[in-house]
Amino acid sequence: PEYRQIIVELLMIVSVILERNPEFEFQEKVDLDRLVTE
């Protein structure tokens, strides 16, 4: 459950970053587990 909430927080962060930076786009598949690991 606690990891699920971190993933939810991560998705909200990704959304805000993309919203504020319209020039950005992910070129590859977004692996949420990899982002949390980093």
PDB file of all heavy atoms in Angstrom:
ATOM      1  N   PRO A   1       0.807  -1.226   0.000  1.00  0.00           N
ATOM      2  CA  PRO A   1       0.000   0.000   0.000  1.00  0.00           C
ATOM      3  C   PRO A   1       0.837   1.273   0.000  1.00  0.00           C
ATOM      4  O   PRO A   1       0.519   2.238  -0.710  1.00  0.00           O
ATOM      5  CB  PRO A   1      -0.815  -0.124   1.293  1.00  0.00           C
ATOM      6  CG  PRO A   1      -0.888  -1.579   1.577  1.00  0.00           C
ATOM      7  CD  PRO A   1       0.417  -2.131   1.108  1.00  0.00           C
ATOM      8  N   GLU A   2       1.917   1.301   0.799  1.00  0.00           N
ATOM      9  CA  GLU A   2       2.728   2.512   0.875  1.00  0.00           C
ATOM     10  C   GLU A   2       3.456   2.782  -0.446  1.00  0.00           C
ATOM     11  O   GLU A   2       3.656   3.935  -0.838  1.00  0.00           O
ATOM     12  CB  GLU A   2       3.722   2.437   2.041  1.00  0.00           C
ATOM     13  CG  GLU A   2       4.740   1.304   1.952  1.00  0.00           C
ATOM     14  CD  GLU A   2       4.269  -0.002   2.568  1.00  0.00           C
ATOM     15  OE1 GLU A   2       3.075  -0.335   2.425  1.00  0.00           O
ATOM     16  OE2 GLU A   2       5.109  -0.700   3.179  1.00  0.00           O
ATOM     17  N   TYR A   3       3.837   1.709  -1.154  1.00  0.00           N
ATOM     18  CA  TYR A   3       4.479   1.879  -2.461  1.00  0.00           C
ATOM     19  C   TYR A   3       3.463   2.393  -3.480  1.00  0.00           C
ATOM     20  O   TYR A   3       3.790   3.204  -4.345  1.00  0.00           O
ATOM     21  CB  TYR A   3       5.074   0.549  -2.925  1.00  0.00           C
ATOM     22  CG  TYR A   3       5.867   0.646  -4.209  1.00  0.00           C
ATOM     23  CD1 TYR A   3       7.130   1.220  -4.222  1.00  0.00           C
ATOM     24  CD2 TYR A   3       5.353   0.167  -5.411  1.00  0.00           C
ATOM     25  CE1 TYR A   3       7.867   1.319  -5.397  1.00  0.00           C
ATOM     26  CE2 TYR A   3       6.072   0.258  -6.589  1.00  0.00           C
ATOM     27  CZ  TYR A   3       7.332   0.835  -6.581  1.00  0.00           C
ATOM     28  OH  TYR A   3       8.047   0.939  -7.745  1.00  0.00           O
ATOM     29  N   ARG A   4       2.226   1.920  -3.368  1.00  0.00           N
ATOM     30  CA  ARG A   4       1.168   2.408  -4.256  1.00  0.00           C
ATOM     31  C   ARG A   4       1.014   3.913  -4.128  1.00  0.00           C
ATOM     32  O   ARG A   4       0.872   4.626  -5.131  1.00  0.00           O
ATOM     33  CB  ARG A   4      -0.165   1.721  -3.933  1.00  0.00           C
ATOM     34  CG  ARG A   4      -1.298   2.123  -4.877  1.00  0.00           C
ATOM     35  CD  ARG A   4      -2.649   1.650  -4.386  1.00  0.00           C
ATOM     36  NE  ARG A   4      -3.667   1.848  -5.399  1.00  0.00           N
ATOM     37  CZ  ARG A   4      -4.279   3.006  -5.641  1.00  0.00           C
ATOM     38  NH1 ARG A   4      -3.964   4.078  -4.936  1.00  0.00           N
ATOM     39  NH2 ARG A   4      -5.205   3.091  -6.594  1.00  0.00           N
ATOM     40  N   GLN A   5       1.063   4.416  -2.887  1.00  0.00           N
ATOM     41  CA  GLN A   5       0.909   5.852  -2.698  1.00  0.00           C
ATOM     42  C   GLN A   5       2.087   6.637  -3.253  1.00  0.00           C
ATOM     43  O   GLN A   5       1.906   7.735  -3.769  1.00  0.00           O
ATOM     44  CB  GLN A   5       0.723   6.169  -1.213  1.00  0.00           C
ATOM     45  CG  GLN A   5      -0.668   5.862  -0.693  1.00  0.00           C
ATOM     46  CD  GLN A   5      -1.765   6.421  -1.565  1.00  0.00           C
ATOM     47  OE1 GLN A   5      -2.406   5.678  -2.318  1.00  0.00           O
ATOM     48  NE2 GLN A   5      -2.014   7.695  -1.503  1.00  0.00           N
ATOM     49  N   ILE A   6       3.282   6.078  -3.175  1.00  0.00           N
ATOM     50  CA  ILE A   6       4.445   6.731  -3.782  1.00  0.00           C
ATOM     51  C   ILE A   6       4.266   6.807  -5.291  1.00  0.00           C
ATOM     52  O   ILE A   6       4.592   7.824  -5.924  1.00  0.00           O
ATOM     53  CB  ILE A   6       5.741   5.976  -3.413  1.00  0.00           C
ATOM     54  CG1 ILE A   6       6.108   6.202  -1.944  1.00  0.00           C
ATOM     55  CG2 ILE A   6       6.903   6.405  -4.318  1.00  0.00           C
ATOM     56  CD1 ILE A   6       6.553   7.614  -1.607  1.00  0.00           C
ATOM     57  N   ILE A   7       3.727   5.744  -5.898  1.00  0.00           N
ATOM     58  CA  ILE A   7       3.467   5.744  -7.339  1.00  0.00           C
ATOM     59  C   ILE A   7       2.431   6.803  -7.698  1.00  0.00           C
ATOM     60  O   ILE A   7       2.554   7.513  -8.710  1.00  0.00           O
ATOM     61  CB  ILE A   7       3.018   4.348  -7.811  1.00  0.00           C
ATOM     62  CG1 ILE A   7       4.166   3.344  -7.706  1.00  0.00           C
ATOM     63  CG2 ILE A   7       2.476   4.406  -9.240  1.00  0.00           C
ATOM     64  CD1 ILE A   7       5.334   3.612  -8.641  1.00  0.00           C
ATOM     65  N   VAL A   8       1.388   6.926  -6.891  1.00  0.00           N
ATOM     66  CA  VAL A   8       0.365   7.954  -7.118  1.00  0.00           C
ATOM     67  C   VAL A   8       0.994   9.340  -7.033  1.00  0.00           C
ATOM     68  O   VAL A   8       0.742  10.211  -7.884  1.00  0.00           O
ATOM     69  CB  VAL A   8      -0.794   7.806  -6.108  1.00  0.00           C
ATOM     70  CG1 VAL A   8      -1.724   9.027  -6.159  1.00  0.00           C
ATOM     71  CG2 VAL A   8      -1.596   6.534  -6.388  1.00  0.00           C
ATOM     72  N   GLU A   9       1.827   9.567  -6.020  1.00  0.00           N
ATOM     73  CA  GLU A   9       2.527  10.848  -5.884  1.00  0.00           C
ATOM     74  C   GLU A   9       3.424  11.098  -7.096  1.00  0.00           C
ATOM     75  O   GLU A   9       3.492  12.228  -7.608  1.00  0.00           O
ATOM     76  CB  GLU A   9       3.359  10.853  -4.604  1.00  0.00           C
ATOM     77  CG  GLU A   9       2.528  10.844  -3.325  1.00  0.00           C
ATOM     78  CD  GLU A   9       3.363  10.643  -2.073  1.00  0.00           C
ATOM     79  OE1 GLU A   9       4.563  11.020  -2.090  1.00  0.00           O
ATOM     80  OE2 GLU A   9       2.840  10.115  -1.082  1.00  0.00           O
ATOM     81  N   LEU A  10       4.091  10.062  -7.559  1.00  0.00           N
ATOM     82  CA  LEU A  10       4.972  10.187  -8.724  1.00  0.00           C
ATOM     83  C   LEU A  10       4.185  10.602  -9.966  1.00  0.00           C
ATOM     84  O   LEU A  10       4.617  11.489 -10.716  1.00  0.00           O
ATOM     85  CB  LEU A  10       5.694   8.862  -8.961  1.00  0.00           C
ATOM     86  CG  LEU A  10       6.517   8.743 -10.255  1.00  0.00           C
ATOM     87  CD1 LEU A  10       7.600   9.807 -10.326  1.00  0.00           C
ATOM     88  CD2 LEU A  10       7.137   7.347 -10.362  1.00  0.00           C
ATOM     89  N   LEU A  11       3.045   9.974 -10.190  1.00  0.00           N
ATOM     90  CA  LEU A  11       2.229  10.322 -11.359  1.00  0.00           C
ATOM     91  C   LEU A  11       1.754  11.774 -11.296  1.00  0.00           C
ATOM     92  O   LEU A  11       1.721  12.469 -12.320  1.00  0.00           O
ATOM     93  CB  LEU A  11       1.034   9.368 -11.465  1.00  0.00           C
ATOM     94  CG  LEU A  11       1.371   7.955 -11.941  1.00  0.00           C
ATOM     95  CD1 LEU A  11       0.211   6.998 -11.699  1.00  0.00           C
ATOM     96  CD2 LEU A  11       1.741   7.950 -13.427  1.00  0.00           C
ATOM     97  N   MET A  12       1.402  12.242 -10.114  1.00  0.00           N
ATOM     98  CA  MET A  12       0.999  13.645  -9.976  1.00  0.00           C
ATOM     99  C   MET A  12       2.169  14.576 -10.294  1.00  0.00           C
ATOM    100  O   MET A  12       1.997  15.625 -10.935  1.00  0.00           O
ATOM    101  CB  MET A  12       0.483  13.896  -8.556  1.00  0.00           C
ATOM    102  CG  MET A  12      -0.779  13.102  -8.181  1.00  0.00           C
ATOM    103  SD  MET A  12      -2.227  13.535  -9.163  1.00  0.00           S
ATOM    104  CE  MET A  12      -2.672  15.113  -8.425  1.00  0.00           C
ATOM    105  N   ILE A  13       3.369  14.191  -9.869  1.00  0.00           N
ATOM    106  CA  ILE A  13       4.565  14.991 -10.150  1.00  0.00           C
ATOM    107  C   ILE A  13       4.854  15.036 -11.643  1.00  0.00           C
ATOM    108  O   ILE A  13       5.140  16.099 -12.210  1.00  0.00           O
ATOM    109  CB  ILE A  13       5.772  14.419  -9.379  1.00  0.00           C
ATOM    110  CG1 ILE A  13       5.615  14.694  -7.877  1.00  0.00           C
ATOM    111  CG2 ILE A  13       7.089  15.003  -9.893  1.00  0.00           C
ATOM    112  CD1 ILE A  13       6.585  13.936  -7.010  1.00  0.00           C
ATOM    113  N   VAL A  14       4.789  13.874 -12.298  1.00  0.00           N
ATOM    114  CA  VAL A  14       5.023  13.817 -13.746  1.00  0.00           C
ATOM    115  C   VAL A  14       4.047  14.737 -14.472  1.00  0.00           C
ATOM    116  O   VAL A  14       4.425  15.483 -15.384  1.00  0.00           O
ATOM    117  CB  VAL A  14       4.878  12.369 -14.262  1.00  0.00           C
ATOM    118  CG1 VAL A  14       4.937  12.339 -15.788  1.00  0.00           C
ATOM    119  CG2 VAL A  14       5.966  11.474 -13.683  1.00  0.00           C
ATOM    120  N   SER A  15       2.790  14.710 -14.050  1.00  0.00           N
ATOM    121  CA  SER A  15       1.770  15.543 -14.691  1.00  0.00           C
ATOM    122  C   SER A  15       2.101  17.027 -14.553  1.00  0.00           C
ATOM    123  O   SER A  15       1.999  17.787 -15.523  1.00  0.00           O
ATOM    124  CB  SER A  15       0.404  15.242 -14.051  1.00  0.00           C
ATOM    125  OG  SER A  15      -0.563  16.166 -14.485  1.00  0.00           O
ATOM    126  N   VAL A  16       2.507  17.445 -13.369  1.00  0.00           N
ATOM    127  CA  VAL A  16       2.821  18.857 -13.135  1.00  0.00           C
ATOM    128  C   VAL A  16       4.035  19.282 -13.967  1.00  0.00           C
ATOM    129  O   VAL A  16       4.045  20.371 -14.571  1.00  0.00           O
ATOM    130  CB  VAL A  16       3.072  19.107 -11.633  1.00  0.00           C
ATOM    131  CG1 VAL A  16       3.625  20.506 -11.413  1.00  0.00           C
ATOM    132  CG2 VAL A  16       1.784  18.925 -10.838  1.00  0.00           C
ATOM    133  N   ILE A  17       5.048  18.421 -14.028  1.00  0.00           N
ATOM    134  CA  ILE A  17       6.249  18.749 -14.809  1.00  0.00           C
ATOM    135  C   ILE A  17       5.908  18.917 -16.280  1.00  0.00           C
ATOM    136  O   ILE A  17       6.352  19.876 -16.933  1.00  0.00           O
ATOM    137  CB  ILE A  17       7.321  17.657 -14.618  1.00  0.00           C
ATOM    138  CG1 ILE A  17       7.879  17.701 -13.193  1.00  0.00           C
ATOM    139  CG2 ILE A  17       8.456  17.834 -15.636  1.00  0.00           C
ATOM    140  CD1 ILE A  17       8.828  16.564 -12.873  1.00  0.00           C
ATOM    141  N   LEU A  18       5.121  17.998 -16.829  1.00  0.00           N
ATOM    142  CA  LEU A  18       4.743  18.090 -18.245  1.00  0.00           C
ATOM    143  C   LEU A  18       3.865  19.308 -18.510  1.00  0.00           C
ATOM    144  O   LEU A  18       3.957  19.939 -19.567  1.00  0.00           O
ATOM    145  CB  LEU A  18       4.022  16.814 -18.668  1.00  0.00           C
ATOM    146  CG  LEU A  18       4.875  15.540 -18.705  1.00  0.00           C
ATOM    147  CD1 LEU A  18       4.026  14.339 -19.085  1.00  0.00           C
ATOM    148  CD2 LEU A  18       6.047  15.681 -19.672  1.00  0.00           C
ATOM    149  N   GLU A  19       3.019  19.624 -17.545  1.00  0.00           N
ATOM    150  CA  GLU A  19       2.134  20.785 -17.691  1.00  0.00           C
ATOM    151  C   GLU A  19       2.933  22.086 -17.760  1.00  0.00           C
ATOM    152  O   GLU A  19       2.600  22.999 -18.520  1.00  0.00           O
ATOM    153  CB  GLU A  19       1.173  20.810 -16.503  1.00  0.00           C
ATOM    154  CG  GLU A  19       0.048  21.832 -16.599  1.00  0.00           C
ATOM    155  CD  GLU A  19      -0.908  21.693 -15.431  1.00  0.00           C
ATOM    156  OE1 GLU A  19      -0.473  21.850 -14.266  1.00  0.00           O
ATOM    157  OE2 GLU A  19      -2.096  21.421 -15.678  1.00  0.00           O
ATOM    158  N   ARG A  20       4.000  22.152 -16.976  1.00  0.00           N
ATOM    159  CA  ARG A  20       4.809  23.372 -16.923  1.00  0.00           C
ATOM    160  C   ARG A  20       5.887  23.427 -18.001  1.00  0.00           C
ATOM    161  O   ARG A  20       6.507  24.471 -18.204  1.00  0.00           O
ATOM    162  CB  ARG A  20       5.465  23.490 -15.543  1.00  0.00           C
ATOM    163  CG  ARG A  20       4.457  23.680 -14.415  1.00  0.00           C
ATOM    164  CD  ARG A  20       5.124  23.698 -13.061  1.00  0.00           C
ATOM    165  NE  ARG A  20       4.164  23.890 -11.981  1.00  0.00           N
ATOM    166  CZ  ARG A  20       4.472  23.867 -10.689  1.00  0.00           C
ATOM    167  NH1 ARG A  20       5.738  23.669 -10.311  1.00  0.00           N
ATOM    168  NH2 ARG A  20       3.537  24.041  -9.772  1.00  0.00           N
ATOM    169  N   ASN A  21       6.122  22.302 -18.651  1.00  0.00           N
ATOM    170  CA  ASN A  21       7.158  22.228 -19.693  1.00  0.00           C
ATOM    171  C   ASN A  21       6.575  21.601 -20.955  1.00  0.00           C
ATOM    172  O   ASN A  21       6.819  20.429 -21.253  1.00  0.00           O
ATOM    173  CB  ASN A  21       8.352  21.409 -19.191  1.00  0.00           C
ATOM    174  CG  ASN A  21       9.013  22.011 -17.966  1.00  0.00           C
ATOM    175  OD1 ASN A  21       9.881  22.869 -18.069  1.00  0.00           O
ATOM    176  ND2 ASN A  21       8.580  21.565 -16.787  1.00  0.00           N
ATOM    177  N   PRO A  22       5.803  22.359 -21.718  1.00  0.00           N
ATOM    178  CA  PRO A  22       5.121  21.803 -22.899  1.00  0.00           C
ATOM    179  C   PRO A  22       6.065  21.302 -23.980  1.00  0.00           C
ATOM    180  O   PRO A  22       5.646  20.561 -24.875  1.00  0.00           O
ATOM    181  CB  PRO A  22       4.277  22.983 -23.404  1.00  0.00           C
ATOM    182  CG  PRO A  22       4.921  24.205 -22.833  1.00  0.00           C
ATOM    183  CD  PRO A  22       5.494  23.786 -21.527  1.00  0.00           C
ATOM    184  N   GLU A  23       7.347  21.681 -23.905  1.00  0.00           N
ATOM    185  CA  GLU A  23       8.299  21.221 -24.927  1.00  0.00           C
ATOM    186  C   GLU A  23       8.790  19.803 -24.677  1.00  0.00           C
ATOM    187  O   GLU A  23       9.405  19.189 -25.552  1.00  0.00           O
ATOM    188  CB  GLU A  23       9.507  22.170 -24.976  1.00  0.00           C
ATOM    189  CG  GLU A  23      10.462  22.099 -23.784  1.00  0.00           C
ATOM    190  CD  GLU A  23      10.004  22.865 -22.558  1.00  0.00           C
ATOM    191  OE1 GLU A  23       8.839  23.335 -22.545  1.00  0.00           O
ATOM    192  OE2 GLU A  23      10.800  23.002 -21.609  1.00  0.00           O
ATOM    193  N   PHE A  24       8.508  19.250 -23.492  1.00  0.00           N
ATOM    194  CA  PHE A  24       8.982  17.908 -23.156  1.00  0.00           C
ATOM    195  C   PHE A  24       7.975  16.827 -23.550  1.00  0.00           C
ATOM    196  O   PHE A  24       6.763  17.020 -23.486  1.00  0.00           O
ATOM    197  CB  PHE A  24       9.255  17.785 -21.653  1.00  0.00           C
ATOM    198  CG  PHE A  24      10.550  18.415 -21.217  1.00  0.00           C
ATOM    199  CD1 PHE A  24      10.577  19.261 -20.116  1.00  0.00           C
ATOM    200  CD2 PHE A  24      11.725  18.172 -21.893  1.00  0.00           C
ATOM    201  CE1 PHE A  24      11.767  19.841 -19.694  1.00  0.00           C
ATOM    202  CE2 PHE A  24      12.918  18.749 -21.483  1.00  0.00           C
ATOM    203  CZ  PHE A  24      12.939  19.582 -20.391  1.00  0.00           C
ATOM    204  N   GLU A  25       8.549  15.693 -23.949  1.00  0.00           N
ATOM    205  CA  GLU A  25       7.733  14.502 -24.232  1.00  0.00           C
ATOM    206  C   GLU A  25       8.606  13.282 -23.984  1.00  0.00           C
ATOM    207  O   GLU A  25       9.785  13.266 -24.326  1.00  0.00           O
ATOM    208  CB  GLU A  25       7.252  14.514 -25.681  1.00  0.00           C
ATOM    209  CG  GLU A  25       6.370  13.335 -26.038  1.00  0.00           C
ATOM    210  CD  GLU A  25       5.862  13.403 -27.474  1.00  0.00           C
ATOM    211  OE1 GLU A  25       4.808  14.001 -27.711  1.00  0.00           O
ATOM    212  OE2 GLU A  25       6.570  12.857 -28.369  1.00  0.00           O
ATOM    213  N   PHE A  26       8.038  12.252 -23.382  1.00  0.00           N
ATOM    214  CA  PHE A  26       8.791  11.028 -23.146  1.00  0.00           C
ATOM    215  C   PHE A  26       8.944  10.266 -24.458  1.00  0.00           C
ATOM    216  O   PHE A  26       7.961  10.004 -25.153  1.00  0.00           O
ATOM    217  CB  PHE A  26       8.081  10.142 -22.123  1.00  0.00           C
ATOM    218  CG  PHE A  26       8.099  10.684 -20.724  1.00  0.00           C
ATOM    219  CD1 PHE A  26       6.987  11.315 -20.190  1.00  0.00           C
ATOM    220  CD2 PHE A  26       9.241  10.576 -19.932  1.00  0.00           C
ATOM    221  CE1 PHE A  26       7.002  11.819 -18.901  1.00  0.00           C
ATOM    222  CE2 PHE A  26       9.267  11.077 -18.644  1.00  0.00           C
ATOM    223  CZ  PHE A  26       8.147  11.714 -18.124  1.00  0.00           C
ATOM    224  N   GLN A  27      10.170   9.908 -24.781  1.00  0.00           N
ATOM    225  CA  GLN A  27      10.428   9.198 -26.035  1.00  0.00           C
ATOM    226  C   GLN A  27      10.304   7.685 -25.867  1.00  0.00           C
ATOM    227  O   GLN A  27       9.986   6.971 -26.809  1.00  0.00           O
ATOM    228  CB  GLN A  27      11.832   9.542 -26.554  1.00  0.00           C
ATOM    229  CG  GLN A  27      12.020  11.022 -26.853  1.00  0.00           C
ATOM    230  CD  GLN A  27      11.082  11.527 -27.926  1.00  0.00           C
ATOM    231  OE1 GLN A  27      10.928  10.886 -28.960  1.00  0.00           O
ATOM    232  NE2 GLN A  27      10.451  12.662 -27.680  1.00  0.00           N
ATOM    233  N   GLU A  28      10.561   7.211 -24.646  1.00  0.00           N
ATOM    234  CA  GLU A  28      10.498   5.777 -24.394  1.00  0.00           C
ATOM    235  C   GLU A  28       9.403   5.472 -23.385  1.00  0.00           C
ATOM    236  O   GLU A  28       8.821   6.378 -22.778  1.00  0.00           O
ATOM    237  CB  GLU A  28      11.857   5.286 -23.856  1.00  0.00           C
ATOM    238  CG  GLU A  28      13.021   5.489 -24.808  1.00  0.00           C
ATOM    239  CD  GLU A  28      14.325   5.016 -24.206  1.00  0.00           C
ATOM    240  OE1 GLU A  28      14.323   4.619 -23.024  1.00  0.00           O
ATOM    241  OE2 GLU A  28      15.345   5.044 -24.916  1.00  0.00           O
ATOM    242  N   LYS A  29       9.129   4.198 -23.215  1.00  0.00           N
ATOM    243  CA  LYS A  29       8.144   3.768 -22.233  1.00  0.00           C
ATOM    244  C   LYS A  29       8.551   4.272 -20.850  1.00  0.00           C
ATOM    245  O   LYS A  29       9.714   4.182 -20.456  1.00  0.00           O
ATOM    246  CB  LYS A  29       8.049   2.241 -22.242  1.00  0.00           C
ATOM    247  CG  LYS A  29       7.112   1.654 -21.214  1.00  0.00           C
ATOM    248  CD  LYS A  29       6.915   0.169 -21.464  1.00  0.00           C
ATOM    249  CE  LYS A  29       8.220  -0.587 -21.416  1.00  0.00           C
ATOM    250  NZ  LYS A  29       8.065  -2.014 -21.721  1.00  0.00           N
ATOM    251  N   VAL A  30       7.597   4.821 -20.116  1.00  0.00           N
ATOM    252  CA  VAL A  30       7.882   5.347 -18.780  1.00  0.00           C
ATOM    253  C   VAL A  30       7.705   4.227 -17.758  1.00  0.00           C
ATOM    254  O   VAL A  30       6.588   3.781 -17.493  1.00  0.00           O
ATOM    255  CB  VAL A  30       6.952   6.532 -18.437  1.00  0.00           C
ATOM    256  CG1 VAL A  30       7.210   7.017 -17.019  1.00  0.00           C
ATOM    257  CG2 VAL A  30       7.150   7.667 -19.435  1.00  0.00           C
ATOM    258  N   ASP A  31       8.815   3.777 -17.206  1.00  0.00           N
ATOM    259  CA  ASP A  31       8.810   2.719 -16.191  1.00  0.00           C
ATOM    260  C   ASP A  31       8.799   3.392 -14.819  1.00  0.00           C
ATOM    261  O   ASP A  31       9.806   3.901 -14.355  1.00  0.00           O
ATOM    262  CB  ASP A  31      10.055   1.838 -16.358  1.00  0.00           C
ATOM    263  CG  ASP A  31      10.035   0.622 -15.446  1.00  0.00           C
ATOM    264  OD1 ASP A  31       9.348   0.667 -14.408  1.00  0.00           O
ATOM    265  OD2 ASP A  31      10.721  -0.371 -15.758  1.00  0.00           O
ATOM    266  N   LEU A  32       7.633   3.399 -14.175  1.00  0.00           N
ATOM    267  CA  LEU A  32       7.484   4.087 -12.895  1.00  0.00           C
ATOM    268  C   LEU A  32       8.338   3.442 -11.806  1.00  0.00           C
ATOM    269  O   LEU A  32       8.866   4.134 -10.931  1.00  0.00           O
ATOM    270  CB  LEU A  32       6.013   4.101 -12.477  1.00  0.00           C
ATOM    271  CG  LEU A  32       5.052   4.801 -13.450  1.00  0.00           C
ATOM    272  CD1 LEU A  32       3.621   4.716 -12.926  1.00  0.00           C
ATOM    273  CD2 LEU A  32       5.444   6.257 -13.680  1.00  0.00           C
ATOM    274  N   ASP A  33       8.494   2.122 -11.853  1.00  0.00           N
ATOM    275  CA  ASP A  33       9.332   1.433 -10.867  1.00  0.00           C
ATOM    276  C   ASP A  33      10.776   1.908 -10.956  1.00  0.00           C
ATOM    277  O   ASP A  33      11.447   2.110  -9.939  1.00  0.00           O
ATOM    278  CB  ASP A  33       9.275  -0.077 -11.076  1.00  0.00           C
ATOM    279  CG  ASP A  33       7.886  -0.646 -10.840  1.00  0.00           C
ATOM    280  OD1 ASP A  33       7.260  -0.278  -9.838  1.00  0.00           O
ATOM    281  OD2 ASP A  33       7.425  -1.456 -11.665  1.00  0.00           O
ATOM    282  N   ARG A  34      11.263   2.090 -12.175  1.00  0.00           N
ATOM    283  CA  ARG A  34      12.635   2.561 -12.368  1.00  0.00           C
ATOM    284  C   ARG A  34      12.813   3.965 -11.786  1.00  0.00           C
ATOM    285  O   ARG A  34      13.834   4.258 -11.147  1.00  0.00           O
ATOM    286  CB  ARG A  34      12.966   2.562 -13.862  1.00  0.00           C
ATOM    287  CG  ARG A  34      14.316   3.179 -14.195  1.00  0.00           C
ATOM    288  CD  ARG A  34      14.490   3.376 -15.691  1.00  0.00           C
ATOM    289  NE  ARG A  34      15.588   4.279 -15.995  1.00  0.00           N
ATOM    290  CZ  ARG A  34      15.816   4.796 -17.195  1.00  0.00           C
ATOM    291  NH1 ARG A  34      15.015   4.505 -18.201  1.00  0.00           N
ATOM    292  NH2 ARG A  34      16.829   5.607 -17.401  1.00  0.00           N
ATOM    293  N   LEU A  35      11.828   4.824 -11.984  1.00  0.00           N
ATOM    294  CA  LEU A  35      11.916   6.190 -11.457  1.00  0.00           C
ATOM    295  C   LEU A  35      11.956   6.190  -9.926  1.00  0.00           C
ATOM    296  O   LEU A  35      12.732   6.938  -9.319  1.00  0.00           O
ATOM    297  CB  LEU A  35      10.734   7.015 -11.961  1.00  0.00           C
ATOM    298  CG  LEU A  35      10.738   7.355 -13.453  1.00  0.00           C
ATOM    299  CD1 LEU A  35       9.419   8.018 -13.852  1.00  0.00           C
ATOM    300  CD2 LEU A  35      11.920   8.248 -13.808  1.00  0.00           C
ATOM    301  N   VAL A  36      11.131   5.353  -9.302  1.00  0.00           N
ATOM    302  CA  VAL A  36      11.139   5.273  -7.842  1.00  0.00           C
ATOM    303  C   VAL A  36      12.477   4.721  -7.349  1.00  0.00           C
ATOM    304  O   VAL A  36      13.036   5.198  -6.349  1.00  0.00           O
ATOM    305  CB  VAL A  36       9.967   4.405  -7.328  1.00  0.00           C
ATOM    306  CG1 VAL A  36      10.087   4.189  -5.814  1.00  0.00           C
ATOM    307  CG2 VAL A  36       8.638   5.061  -7.649  1.00  0.00           C
ATOM    308  N   THR A  37      13.007   3.722  -8.052  1.00  0.00           N
ATOM    309  CA  THR A  37      14.301   3.143  -7.672  1.00  0.00           C
ATOM    310  C   THR A  37      15.401   4.200  -7.716  1.00  0.00           C
ATOM    311  O   THR A  37      16.245   4.284  -6.801  1.00  0.00           O
ATOM    312  CB  THR A  37      14.665   1.972  -8.608  1.00  0.00           C
ATOM    313  OG1 THR A  37      13.677   0.942  -8.480  1.00  0.00           O
ATOM    314  CG2 THR A  37      16.028   1.392  -8.260  1.00  0.00           C
ATOM    315  N   GLU A  38      15.392   5.017  -8.780  1.00  0.00           N
ATOM    316  CA  GLU A  38      16.401   6.074  -8.886  1.00  0.00           C
ATOM    317  C   GLU A  38      16.224   7.118  -7.788  1.00  0.00           C
ATOM    318  O   GLU A  38      17.213   7.597  -7.201  1.00  0.00           O
ATOM    319  CB  GLU A  38      16.319   6.723 -10.267  1.00  0.00           C
ATOM    320  CG  GLU A  38      16.777   5.809 -11.399  1.00  0.00           C
ATOM    321  CD  GLU A  38      16.746   6.492 -12.753  1.00  0.00           C
ATOM    322  OE1 GLU A  38      16.485   7.721 -12.783  1.00  0.00           O
ATOM    323  OE2 GLU A  38      16.976   5.817 -13.768  1.00  0.00           O
TER     324      GLU A  38
END
